[in-house]
PDB file of N, CA and C in Angstrom:
ATOM      1  N   UNK A   1     115.319 127.756 -86.233  1.00  0.00           N
ATOM      2  CA  UNK A   1     116.170 127.759 -87.493  1.00  0.00           C
ATOM      3  C   UNK A   1     115.134 127.841 -88.686  1.00  0.00           C
ATOM      4  N   UNK A   2     115.435 128.618 -89.643  1.00  0.00           N
ATOM      5  CA  UNK A   2     114.629 128.715 -90.841  1.00  0.00           C
ATOM      6  C   UNK A   2     114.950 127.721 -91.950  1.00  0.00           C
ATOM      7  N   UNK A   3     114.271 127.492 -92.813  1.00  0.00           N
ATOM      8  CA  UNK A   3     114.600 126.598 -93.927  1.00  0.00           C
ATOM      9  C   UNK A   3     113.486 125.527 -94.048  1.00  0.00           C
ATOM     10  N   UNK A   4     113.705 124.565 -94.901  1.00  0.00           N
ATOM     11  CA  UNK A   4     112.438 123.695 -95.238  1.00  0.00           C
ATOM     12  C   UNK A   4     112.890 122.345 -95.144  1.00  0.00           C
ATOM     13  N   UNK A   5     113.867 121.922 -94.094  1.00  0.00           N
ATOM     14  CA  UNK A   5     114.170 120.559 -94.036  1.00  0.00           C
ATOM     15  C   UNK A   5     113.144 119.728 -93.674  1.00  0.00           C
ATOM     16  N   UNK A   6     113.173 118.412 -94.144  1.00  0.00           N
ATOM     17  CA  UNK A   6     112.109 117.567 -93.773  1.00  0.00           C
ATOM     18  C   UNK A   6     112.269 116.920 -92.302  1.00  0.00           C
ATOM     19  N   UNK A   7     113.471 117.005 -91.588  1.00  0.00           N
ATOM     20  CA  UNK A   7     113.544 116.424 -90.442  1.00  0.00           C
ATOM     21  C   UNK A   7     113.815 115.100 -90.375  1.00  0.00           C
ATOM     22  N   UNK A   8     114.045 114.329 -91.363  1.00  0.00           N
ATOM     23  CA  UNK A   8     114.346 112.958 -91.249  1.00  0.00           C
ATOM     24  C   UNK A   8     115.978 112.862 -90.997  1.00  0.00           C
ATOM     25  N   UNK A   9     116.408 111.808 -90.543  1.00  0.00           N
ATOM     26  CA  UNK A   9     117.759 111.649 -90.162  1.00  0.00           C
ATOM     27  C   UNK A   9     117.976 112.039 -88.710  1.00  0.00           C
ATOM     28  N   UNK A  10     118.893 112.937 -88.358  1.00  0.00           N
ATOM     29  CA  UNK A  10     119.131 113.161 -87.017  1.00  0.00           C
ATOM     30  C   UNK A  10     118.443 114.393 -86.579  1.00  0.00           C
ATOM     31  N   UNK A  11     117.606 115.101 -87.281  1.00  0.00           N
ATOM     32  CA  UNK A  11     116.951 116.357 -86.875  1.00  0.00           C
ATOM     33  C   UNK A  11     117.686 117.595 -87.226  1.00  0.00           C
ATOM     34  N   UNK A  12     117.139 118.708 -86.925  1.00  0.00           N
ATOM     35  CA  UNK A  12     117.827 119.954 -87.392  1.00  0.00           C
ATOM     36  C   UNK A  12     118.807 120.297 -86.298  1.00  0.00           C
ATOM     37  N   UNK A  13     119.802 121.169 -86.734  1.00  0.00           N
ATOM     38  CA  UNK A  13     120.813 121.783 -85.885  1.00  0.00           C
ATOM     39  C   UNK A  13     121.803 120.683 -85.580  1.00  0.00           C
ATOM     40  N   UNK A  14     122.285 120.613 -84.285  1.00  0.00           N
ATOM     41  CA  UNK A  14     123.341 119.597 -83.849  1.00  0.00           C
ATOM     42  C   UNK A  14     124.559 120.385 -83.682  1.00  0.00           C
ATOM     43  N   UNK A  15     125.019 120.519 -82.456  1.00  0.00           N
ATOM     44  CA  UNK A  15     126.253 121.130 -82.211  1.00  0.00           C
ATOM     45  C   UNK A  15     127.488 120.227 -82.478  1.00  0.00           C
ATOM     46  N   UNK A  16     128.623 120.686 -82.292  1.00  0.00           N
ATOM     47  CA  UNK A  16     129.774 119.973 -82.524  1.00  0.00           C
ATOM     48  C   UNK A  16     129.787 118.765 -81.536  1.00  0.00           C
ATOM     49  N   UNK A  17     130.133 117.662 -82.116  1.00  0.00           N
ATOM     50  CA  UNK A  17     130.211 116.391 -81.328  1.00  0.00           C
ATOM     51  C   UNK A  17     128.892 115.644 -81.148  1.00  0.00           C
ATOM     52  N   UNK A  18     127.721 116.267 -81.483  1.00  0.00           N
ATOM     53  CA  UNK A  18     126.392 115.516 -81.339  1.00  0.00           C
ATOM     54  C   UNK A  18     126.263 114.413 -82.317  1.00  0.00           C
ATOM     55  N   UNK A  19     126.871 114.444 -83.448  1.00  0.00           N
ATOM     56  CA  UNK A  19     126.772 113.305 -84.458  1.00  0.00           C
ATOM     57  C   UNK A  19     128.051 113.083 -84.941  1.00  0.00           C
ATOM     58  N   UNK A  20     128.311 111.839 -85.091  1.00  0.00           N
ATOM     59  CA  UNK A  20     129.676 111.432 -85.700  1.00  0.00           C
ATOM     60  C   UNK A  20     129.755 111.818 -87.100  1.00  0.00           C
ATOM     61  N   UNK A  21     130.710 112.480 -87.639  1.00  0.00           N
ATOM     62  CA  UNK A  21     130.912 112.997 -89.049  1.00  0.00           C
ATOM     63  C   UNK A  21     130.698 111.901 -89.991  1.00  0.00           C
ATOM     64  N   UNK A  22     131.142 110.687 -89.760  1.00  0.00           N
ATOM     65  CA  UNK A  22     131.070 109.639 -90.810  1.00  0.00           C
ATOM     66  C   UNK A  22     129.578 109.013 -90.947  1.00  0.00           C
ATOM     67  N   UNK A  23     128.772 109.203 -89.778  1.00  0.00           N
ATOM     68  CA  UNK A  23     127.455 108.788 -89.958  1.00  0.00           C
ATOM     69  C   UNK A  23     126.335 109.957 -90.161  1.00  0.00           C
ATOM     70  N   UNK A  24     126.836 111.162 -90.251  1.00  0.00           N
ATOM     71  CA  UNK A  24     125.892 112.175 -90.572  1.00  0.00           C
ATOM     72  C   UNK A  24     125.212 112.001 -91.861  1.00  0.00           C
ATOM     73  N   UNK A  25     123.945 111.913 -91.780  1.00  0.00           N
ATOM     74  CA  UNK A  25     122.986 111.724 -93.032  1.00  0.00           C
ATOM     75  C   UNK A  25     121.762 112.240 -92.764  1.00  0.00           C
ATOM     76  N   UNK A  26     121.022 112.890 -93.848  1.00  0.00           N
ATOM     77  CA  UNK A  26     119.712 113.360 -93.657  1.00  0.00           C
ATOM     78  C   UNK A  26     119.188 113.859 -94.980  1.00  0.00           C
ATOM     79  N   UNK A  27     117.841 114.030 -94.915  1.00  0.00           N
ATOM     80  CA  UNK A  27     117.112 114.443 -96.189  1.00  0.00           C
ATOM     81  C   UNK A  27     116.637 115.827 -95.950  1.00  0.00           C
ATOM     82  N   UNK A  28     116.810 116.708 -96.907  1.00  0.00           N
ATOM     83  CA  UNK A  28     116.309 118.105 -96.747  1.00  0.00           C
ATOM     84  C   UNK A  28     116.129 118.686 -98.209  1.00  0.00           C
ATOM     85  N   UNK A  29     115.691 120.001 -98.157  1.00  0.00           N
ATOM     86  CA  UNK A  29     115.501 120.760 -99.328  1.00  0.00           C
ATOM     87  C   UNK A  29     116.691 121.651 -99.547  1.00  0.00           C
ATOM     88  N   UNK A  30     117.048 121.944-100.825  1.00  0.00           N
ATOM     89  CA  UNK A  30     118.110 122.796-101.142  1.00  0.00           C
ATOM     90  C   UNK A  30     117.560 124.143-100.787  1.00  0.00           C
ATOM     91  N   UNK A  31     118.415 125.073-100.112  1.00  0.00           N
ATOM     92  CA  UNK A  31     118.018 126.336 -99.828  1.00  0.00           C
ATOM     93  C   UNK A  31     118.489 127.285-100.791  1.00  0.00           C
ATOM     94  N   UNK A  32     117.794 128.334-101.265  1.00  0.00           N
ATOM     95  CA  UNK A  32     118.064 129.293-102.118  1.00  0.00           C
ATOM     96  C   UNK A  32     118.559 128.729-103.446  1.00  0.00           C
ATOM     97  N   UNK A  33     117.825 127.760-104.083  1.00  0.00           N
ATOM     98  CA  UNK A  33     118.161 127.116-105.342  1.00  0.00           C
ATOM     99  C   UNK A  33     118.429 128.075-106.478  1.00  0.00           C
ATOM    100  N   UNK A  34     119.427 127.845-107.150  1.00  0.00           N
ATOM    101  CA  UNK A  34     119.577 128.583-108.440  1.00  0.00           C
ATOM    102  C   UNK A  34     118.830 128.132-109.538  1.00  0.00           C
ATOM    103  N   UNK A  35     117.846 128.876-110.129  1.00  0.00           N
ATOM    104  CA  UNK A  35     116.914 128.355-111.132  1.00  0.00           C
ATOM    105  C   UNK A  35     117.538 127.941-112.328  1.00  0.00           C
ATOM    106  N   UNK A  36     118.684 128.462-112.641  1.00  0.00           N
ATOM    107  CA  UNK A  36     119.325 128.039-113.916  1.00  0.00           C
ATOM    108  C   UNK A  36     119.904 126.684-113.703  1.00  0.00           C
ATOM    109  N   UNK A  37     120.398 126.239-112.588  1.00  0.00           N
ATOM    110  CA  UNK A  37     120.978 125.077-112.249  1.00  0.00           C
ATOM    111  C   UNK A  37     119.924 124.034-112.074  1.00  0.00           C
ATOM    112  N   UNK A  38     118.850 124.353-111.385  1.00  0.00           N
ATOM    113  CA  UNK A  38     117.724 123.371-111.005  1.00  0.00           C
ATOM    114  C   UNK A  38     117.147 122.793-112.276  1.00  0.00           C
ATOM    115  N   UNK A  39     116.971 123.472-113.415  1.00  0.00           N
ATOM    116  CA  UNK A  39     116.355 123.010-114.589  1.00  0.00           C
ATOM    117  C   UNK A  39     117.329 121.963-115.280  1.00  0.00           C
ATOM    118  N   UNK A  40     118.617 121.975-114.906  1.00  0.00           N
ATOM    119  CA  UNK A  40     119.659 121.035-115.394  1.00  0.00           C
ATOM    120  C   UNK A  40     119.692 119.712-114.475  1.00  0.00           C
ATOM    121  N   UNK A  41     119.083 119.753-113.418  1.00  0.00           N
ATOM    122  CA  UNK A  41     119.126 118.579-112.453  1.00  0.00           C
ATOM    123  C   UNK A  41     118.248 117.460-112.881  1.00  0.00           C
ATOM    124  N   UNK A  42     118.541 116.231-112.567  1.00  0.00           N
ATOM    125  CA  UNK A  42     117.757 115.120-112.745  1.00  0.00           C
ATOM    126  C   UNK A  42     117.757 114.331-111.447  1.00  0.00           C
ATOM    127  N   UNK A  43     116.682 113.581-111.082  1.00  0.00           N
ATOM    128  CA  UNK A  43     116.540 112.705-109.989  1.00  0.00           C
ATOM    129  C   UNK A  43     117.842 111.673-110.120  1.00  0.00           C
ATOM    130  N   UNK A  44     118.540 111.636-108.926  1.00  0.00           N
ATOM    131  CA  UNK A  44     119.732 110.517-108.956  1.00  0.00           C
ATOM    132  C   UNK A  44     120.917 111.394-109.140  1.00  0.00           C
ATOM    133  N   UNK A  45     120.882 112.620-109.566  1.00  0.00           N
ATOM    134  CA  UNK A  45     122.198 113.464-109.763  1.00  0.00           C
ATOM    135  C   UNK A  45     122.859 113.438-108.457  1.00  0.00           C
ATOM    136  N   UNK A  46     124.223 113.340-108.409  1.00  0.00           N
ATOM    137  CA  UNK A  46     125.187 113.496-107.274  1.00  0.00           C
ATOM    138  C   UNK A  46     125.652 114.952-107.210  1.00  0.00           C
ATOM    139  N   UNK A  47     125.477 115.640-106.061  1.00  0.00           N
ATOM    140  CA  UNK A  47     126.023 117.018-105.982  1.00  0.00           C
ATOM    141  C   UNK A  47     127.085 116.798-104.982  1.00  0.00           C
ATOM    142  N   UNK A  48     128.107 117.738-105.183  1.00  0.00           N
ATOM    143  CA  UNK A  48     129.242 117.863-104.094  1.00  0.00           C
ATOM    144  C   UNK A  48     128.817 118.868-103.098  1.00  0.00           C
ATOM    145  N   UNK A  49     129.129 118.483-101.843  1.00  0.00           N
ATOM    146  CA  UNK A  49     128.780 119.494-100.701  1.00  0.00           C
ATOM    147  C   UNK A  49     130.080 120.101-100.332  1.00  0.00           C
ATOM    148  N   UNK A  50     130.177 121.465-100.281  1.00  0.00           N
ATOM    149  CA  UNK A  50     131.478 122.223-100.139  1.00  0.00           C
ATOM    150  C   UNK A  50     131.180 123.376 -99.308  1.00  0.00           C
ATOM    151  N   UNK A  51     132.150 124.100 -98.932  1.00  0.00           N
ATOM    152  CA  UNK A  51     132.076 125.262 -98.178  1.00  0.00           C
ATOM    153  C   UNK A  51     132.546 126.500 -99.087  1.00  0.00           C
ATOM    154  N   UNK A  52     131.558 127.509 -99.098  1.00  0.00           N
ATOM    155  CA  UNK A  52     131.928 128.629-100.017  1.00  0.00           C
ATOM    156  C   UNK A  52     131.873 129.916 -99.097  1.00  0.00           C
ATOM    157  N   UNK A  53     132.800 130.761 -99.421  1.00  0.00           N
ATOM    158  CA  UNK A  53     132.940 131.980 -98.607  1.00  0.00           C
ATOM    159  C   UNK A  53     132.058 133.146 -99.335  1.00  0.00           C
ATOM    160  N   UNK A  54     131.075 133.635 -98.734  1.00  0.00           N
ATOM    161  CA  UNK A  54     130.252 134.749 -99.286  1.00  0.00           C
ATOM    162  C   UNK A  54     130.262 135.923 -98.536  1.00  0.00           C
ATOM    163  N   UNK A  55     131.073 136.952 -98.891  1.00  0.00           N
ATOM    164  CA  UNK A  55     131.180 138.218 -98.071  1.00  0.00           C
ATOM    165  C   UNK A  55     131.659 138.016 -96.722  1.00  0.00           C
ATOM    166  N   UNK A  56     132.636 137.135 -96.575  1.00  0.00           N
ATOM    167  CA  UNK A  56     133.265 136.823 -95.219  1.00  0.00           C
ATOM    168  C   UNK A  56     132.509 135.766 -94.396  1.00  0.00           C
ATOM    169  N   UNK A  57     131.396 135.095 -94.888  1.00  0.00           N
ATOM    170  CA  UNK A  57     130.739 134.227 -94.109  1.00  0.00           C
ATOM    171  C   UNK A  57     130.843 132.883 -94.942  1.00  0.00           C
ATOM    172  N   UNK A  58     131.120 131.793 -94.131  1.00  0.00           N
ATOM    173  CA  UNK A  58     131.270 130.498 -94.759  1.00  0.00           C
ATOM    174  C   UNK A  58     129.773 129.910 -94.929  1.00  0.00           C
ATOM    175  N   UNK A  59     129.522 129.410 -96.053  1.00  0.00           N
ATOM    176  CA  UNK A  59     128.170 128.775 -96.240  1.00  0.00           C
ATOM    177  C   UNK A  59     128.344 127.400 -96.772  1.00  0.00           C
ATOM    178  N   UNK A  60     127.413 126.385 -96.544  1.00  0.00           N
ATOM    179  CA  UNK A  60     127.423 125.064 -97.053  1.00  0.00           C
ATOM    180  C   UNK A  60     126.765 125.172 -98.472  1.00  0.00           C
ATOM    181  N   UNK A  61     127.417 124.814 -99.540  1.00  0.00           N
ATOM    182  CA  UNK A  61     126.994 125.001-100.865  1.00  0.00           C
ATOM    183  C   UNK A  61     126.984 123.570-101.468  1.00  0.00           C
ATOM    184  N   UNK A  62     125.946 123.506-102.360  1.00  0.00           N
ATOM    185  CA  UNK A  62     125.884 122.266-103.337  1.00  0.00           C
ATOM    186  C   UNK A  62     126.194 122.572-104.665  1.00  0.00           C
ATOM    187  N   UNK A  63     127.167 121.768-105.180  1.00  0.00           N
ATOM    188  CA  UNK A  63     127.731 122.118-106.492  1.00  0.00           C
ATOM    189  C   UNK A  63     127.572 120.963-107.471  1.00  0.00           C
ATOM    190  N   UNK A  64     127.207 121.298-108.631  1.00  0.00           N
ATOM    191  CA  UNK A  64     127.178 120.323-109.770  1.00  0.00           C
ATOM    192  C   UNK A  64     128.134 120.899-110.922  1.00  0.00           C
ATOM    193  N   UNK A  65     129.031 119.943-111.178  1.00  0.00           N
ATOM    194  CA  UNK A  65     130.188 120.384-112.118  1.00  0.00           C
ATOM    195  C   UNK A  65     130.975 121.708-111.819  1.00  0.00           C
ATOM    196  N   UNK A  66     131.032 121.940-110.480  1.00  0.00           N
ATOM    197  CA  UNK A  66     131.746 123.156-110.049  1.00  0.00           C
ATOM    198  C   UNK A  66     130.843 124.335-109.898  1.00  0.00           C
ATOM    199  N   UNK A  67     129.506 124.306-110.327  1.00  0.00           N
ATOM    200  CA  UNK A  67     128.660 125.506-110.290  1.00  0.00           C
ATOM    201  C   UNK A  67     127.661 125.319-109.108  1.00  0.00           C
ATOM    202  N   UNK A  68     127.368 126.410-108.431  1.00  0.00           N
ATOM    203  CA  UNK A  68     126.395 126.321-107.207  1.00  0.00           C
ATOM    204  C   UNK A  68     125.050 126.096-107.668  1.00  0.00           C
ATOM    205  N   UNK A  69     124.433 125.112-107.046  1.00  0.00           N
ATOM    206  CA  UNK A  69     122.948 124.761-107.297  1.00  0.00           C
ATOM    207  C   UNK A  69     122.282 125.499-106.169  1.00  0.00           C
ATOM    208  N   UNK A  70     122.801 125.586-104.967  1.00  0.00           N
ATOM    209  CA  UNK A  70     122.115 126.107-103.864  1.00  0.00           C
ATOM    210  C   UNK A  70     122.777 125.746-102.623  1.00  0.00           C
ATOM    211  N   UNK A  71     122.192 126.117-101.444  1.00  0.00           N
ATOM    212  CA  UNK A  71     122.947 125.861-100.172  1.00  0.00           C
ATOM    213  C   UNK A  71     122.194 124.835 -99.293  1.00  0.00           C
ATOM    214  N   UNK A  72     122.748 124.612 -98.110  1.00  0.00           N
ATOM    215  CA  UNK A  72     122.111 123.733 -97.059  1.00  0.00           C
ATOM    216  C   UNK A  72     121.968 124.574 -95.804  1.00  0.00           C
ATOM    217  N   UNK A  73     120.827 124.589 -95.207  1.00  0.00           N
ATOM    218  CA  UNK A  73     120.634 125.170 -93.816  1.00  0.00           C
ATOM    219  C   UNK A  73     120.647 124.112 -92.752  1.00  0.00           C
ATOM    220  N   UNK A  74     120.071 122.943 -92.930  1.00  0.00           N
ATOM    221  CA  UNK A  74     120.053 121.829 -91.973  1.00  0.00           C
ATOM    222  C   UNK A  74     121.529 121.457 -91.713  1.00  0.00           C
ATOM    223  N   UNK A  75     121.920 121.242 -90.566  1.00  0.00           N
ATOM    224  CA  UNK A  75     123.096 120.964 -90.134  1.00  0.00           C
ATOM    225  C   UNK A  75     124.370 121.621 -90.669  1.00  0.00           C
ATOM    226  N   UNK A  76     124.107 122.763 -91.144  1.00  0.00           N
ATOM    227  CA  UNK A  76     125.286 123.555 -91.834  1.00  0.00           C
ATOM    228  C   UNK A  76     126.462 123.730 -90.831  1.00  0.00           C
ATOM    229  N   UNK A  77     126.270 124.046 -89.607  1.00  0.00           N
ATOM    230  CA  UNK A  77     127.485 124.152 -88.769  1.00  0.00           C
ATOM    231  C   UNK A  77     128.229 122.860 -88.639  1.00  0.00           C
ATOM    232  N   UNK A  78     127.445 121.839 -88.452  1.00  0.00           N
ATOM    233  CA  UNK A  78     128.015 120.400 -88.278  1.00  0.00           C
ATOM    234  C   UNK A  78     128.858 119.992 -89.433  1.00  0.00           C
ATOM    235  N   UNK A  79     128.220 120.092 -90.666  1.00  0.00           N
ATOM    236  CA  UNK A  79     128.796 119.681 -91.910  1.00  0.00           C
ATOM    237  C   UNK A  79     130.053 120.542 -92.154  1.00  0.00           C
ATOM    238  N   UNK A  80     130.085 121.817 -91.833  1.00  0.00           N
ATOM    239  CA  UNK A  80     131.061 122.783 -92.055  1.00  0.00           C
ATOM    240  C   UNK A  80     132.329 122.297 -91.188  1.00  0.00           C
ATOM    241  N   UNK A  81     131.949 121.925 -89.869  1.00  0.00           N
ATOM    242  CA  UNK A  81     133.027 121.407 -88.950  1.00  0.00           C
ATOM    243  C   UNK A  81     133.585 120.053 -89.488  1.00  0.00           C
ATOM    244  N   UNK A  82     132.747 119.211 -89.890  1.00  0.00           N
ATOM    245  CA  UNK A  82     133.180 117.968 -90.556  1.00  0.00           C
ATOM    246  C   UNK A  82     133.938 118.068 -91.704  1.00  0.00           C
ATOM    247  N   UNK A  83     133.658 118.880 -92.604  1.00  0.00           N
ATOM    248  CA  UNK A  83     134.486 119.201 -93.882  1.00  0.00           C
ATOM    249  C   UNK A  83     135.797 119.725 -93.443  1.00  0.00           C
ATOM    250  N   UNK A  84     135.888 120.609 -92.569  1.00  0.00           N
ATOM    251  CA  UNK A  84     137.056 121.085 -92.069  1.00  0.00           C
ATOM    252  C   UNK A  84     138.039 120.069 -91.442  1.00  0.00           C
ATOM    253  N   UNK A  85     137.294 119.028 -90.830  1.00  0.00           N
ATOM    254  CA  UNK A  85     138.080 117.847 -90.184  1.00  0.00           C
ATOM    255  C   UNK A  85     138.546 116.876 -91.326  1.00  0.00           C
ATOM    256  N   UNK A  86     138.147 117.127 -92.507  1.00  0.00           N
ATOM    257  CA  UNK A  86     138.683 116.191 -93.636  1.00  0.00           C
ATOM    258  C   UNK A  86     137.612 115.240 -94.233  1.00  0.00           C
ATOM    259  N   UNK A  87     136.272 115.425 -93.734  1.00  0.00           N
ATOM    260  CA  UNK A  87     135.186 114.504 -94.213  1.00  0.00           C
ATOM    261  C   UNK A  87     134.659 115.027 -95.517  1.00  0.00           C
ATOM    262  N   UNK A  88     134.270 114.243 -96.502  1.00  0.00           N
ATOM    263  CA  UNK A  88     133.527 114.597 -97.672  1.00  0.00           C
ATOM    264  C   UNK A  88     132.094 114.180 -97.690  1.00  0.00           C
ATOM    265  N   UNK A  89     131.284 115.066 -98.271  1.00  0.00           N
ATOM    266  CA  UNK A  89     129.732 114.697 -98.414  1.00  0.00           C
ATOM    267  C   UNK A  89     129.310 114.902 -99.881  1.00  0.00           C
ATOM    268  N   UNK A  90     128.239 114.062-100.146  1.00  0.00           N
ATOM    269  CA  UNK A  90     127.536 114.312-101.384  1.00  0.00           C
ATOM    270  C   UNK A  90     126.104 114.482-101.108  1.00  0.00           C
ATOM    271  N   UNK A  91     125.346 115.002-101.937  1.00  0.00           N
ATOM    272  CA  UNK A  91     123.879 115.046-101.911  1.00  0.00           C
ATOM    273  C   UNK A  91     123.340 114.525-103.124  1.00  0.00           C
ATOM    274  N   UNK A  92     122.479 113.447-102.972  1.00  0.00           N
ATOM    275  CA  UNK A  92     121.731 112.897-103.979  1.00  0.00           C
ATOM    276  C   UNK A  92     120.473 113.485-104.211  1.00  0.00           C
ATOM    277  N   UNK A  93     120.045 113.922-105.576  1.00  0.00           N
ATOM    278  CA  UNK A  93     118.673 114.494-105.772  1.00  0.00           C
ATOM    279  C   UNK A  93     117.806 113.440-105.658  1.00  0.00           C
ATOM    280  N   UNK A  94     116.698 113.613-104.787  1.00  0.00           N
ATOM    281  CA  UNK A  94     115.721 112.630-104.572  1.00  0.00           C
ATOM    282  C   UNK A  94     114.351 112.943-105.306  1.00  0.00           C
ATOM    283  N   UNK A  95     114.058 114.362-105.377  1.00  0.00           N
ATOM    284  CA  UNK A  95     112.906 114.848-106.032  1.00  0.00           C
ATOM    285  C   UNK A  95     113.105 116.286-106.434  1.00  0.00           C
ATOM    286  N   UNK A  96     112.248 116.639-107.372  1.00  0.00           N
ATOM    287  CA  UNK A  96     112.234 117.973-108.108  1.00  0.00           C
ATOM    288  C   UNK A  96     110.816 118.435-108.255  1.00  0.00           C
ATOM    289  N   UNK A  97     110.386 119.402-107.716  1.00  0.00           N
ATOM    290  CA  UNK A  97     109.092 119.939-107.858  1.00  0.00           C
ATOM    291  C   UNK A  97     109.056 121.403-108.026  1.00  0.00           C
ATOM    292  N   UNK A  98     109.059 121.687-109.364  1.00  0.00           N
ATOM    293  CA  UNK A  98     109.366 123.257-109.643  1.00  0.00           C
ATOM    294  C   UNK A  98     110.771 123.483-109.242  1.00  0.00           C
ATOM    295  N   UNK A  99     110.834 124.446-108.305  1.00  0.00           N
ATOM    296  CA  UNK A  99     112.041 124.912-107.788  1.00  0.00           C
ATOM    297  C   UNK A  99     112.500 124.284-106.446  1.00  0.00           C
ATOM    298  N   UNK A 100     111.615 123.474-105.935  1.00  0.00           N
ATOM    299  CA  UNK A 100     111.851 122.738-104.810  1.00  0.00           C
ATOM    300  C   UNK A 100     112.592 121.435-104.965  1.00  0.00           C
ATOM    301  N   UNK A 101     113.723 121.287-104.534  1.00  0.00           N
ATOM    302  CA  UNK A 101     114.710 120.159-104.892  1.00  0.00           C
ATOM    303  C   UNK A 101     115.016 119.467-103.439  1.00  0.00           C
ATOM    304  N   UNK A 102     114.719 118.146-103.279  1.00  0.00           N
ATOM    305  CA  UNK A 102     115.004 117.430-102.113  1.00  0.00           C
ATOM    306  C   UNK A 102     116.204 116.606-102.286  1.00  0.00           C
ATOM    307  N   UNK A 103     117.024 116.617-101.472  1.00  0.00           N
ATOM    308  CA  UNK A 103     118.207 115.929-101.466  1.00  0.00           C
ATOM    309  C   UNK A 103     118.587 114.998-100.248  1.00  0.00           C
ATOM    310  N   UNK A 104     119.309 113.956-100.495  1.00  0.00           N
ATOM    311  CA  UNK A 104     119.820 113.174 -99.297  1.00  0.00           C
ATOM    312  C   UNK A 104     121.286 113.329 -99.222  1.00  0.00           C
ATOM    313  N   UNK A 105     121.669 113.888 -97.979  1.00  0.00           N
ATOM    314  CA  UNK A 105     123.147 114.199 -97.816  1.00  0.00           C
ATOM    315  C   UNK A 105     123.783 113.139 -96.978  1.00  0.00           C
ATOM    316  N   UNK A 106     125.007 112.706 -97.306  1.00  0.00           N
ATOM    317  CA  UNK A 106     125.718 111.683 -96.596  1.00  0.00           C
ATOM    318  C   UNK A 106     127.135 111.777 -96.891  1.00  0.00           C
ATOM    319  N   UNK A 107     127.988 111.237 -95.884  1.00  0.00           N
ATOM    320  CA  UNK A 107     129.342 111.151 -95.979  1.00  0.00           C
ATOM    321  C   UNK A 107     129.866 110.122 -96.985  1.00  0.00           C
ATOM    322  N   UNK A 108     130.908 110.468 -97.553  1.00  0.00           N
ATOM    323  CA  UNK A 108     131.555 109.404 -98.535  1.00  0.00           C
ATOM    324  C   UNK A 108     132.753 109.038 -98.304  1.00  0.00           C
TER     325      UNK A 108
END
């Protein structure tokens, strides 16, 4: 799997049923961050985790005030399944280093 996840939490990937949706939590970097949105972020900001359809493909997206900040690669299939099952997730900004943004994702 490509991406720059830090690997803390439950590790990368994870098929359906491997992790309970309510306990799914991990730290990772935002994938394909939007530079315009990154400059508006601060440590501690809470981002909404949602599913966005891009050209017929569902992707896990991080949103601030309804605007896309970037996406998630780590656990994307599992999070998508859990959101479809009615679970909600947030991502808390932990660090910002230029365009690299580290977040902690958890169920709410």
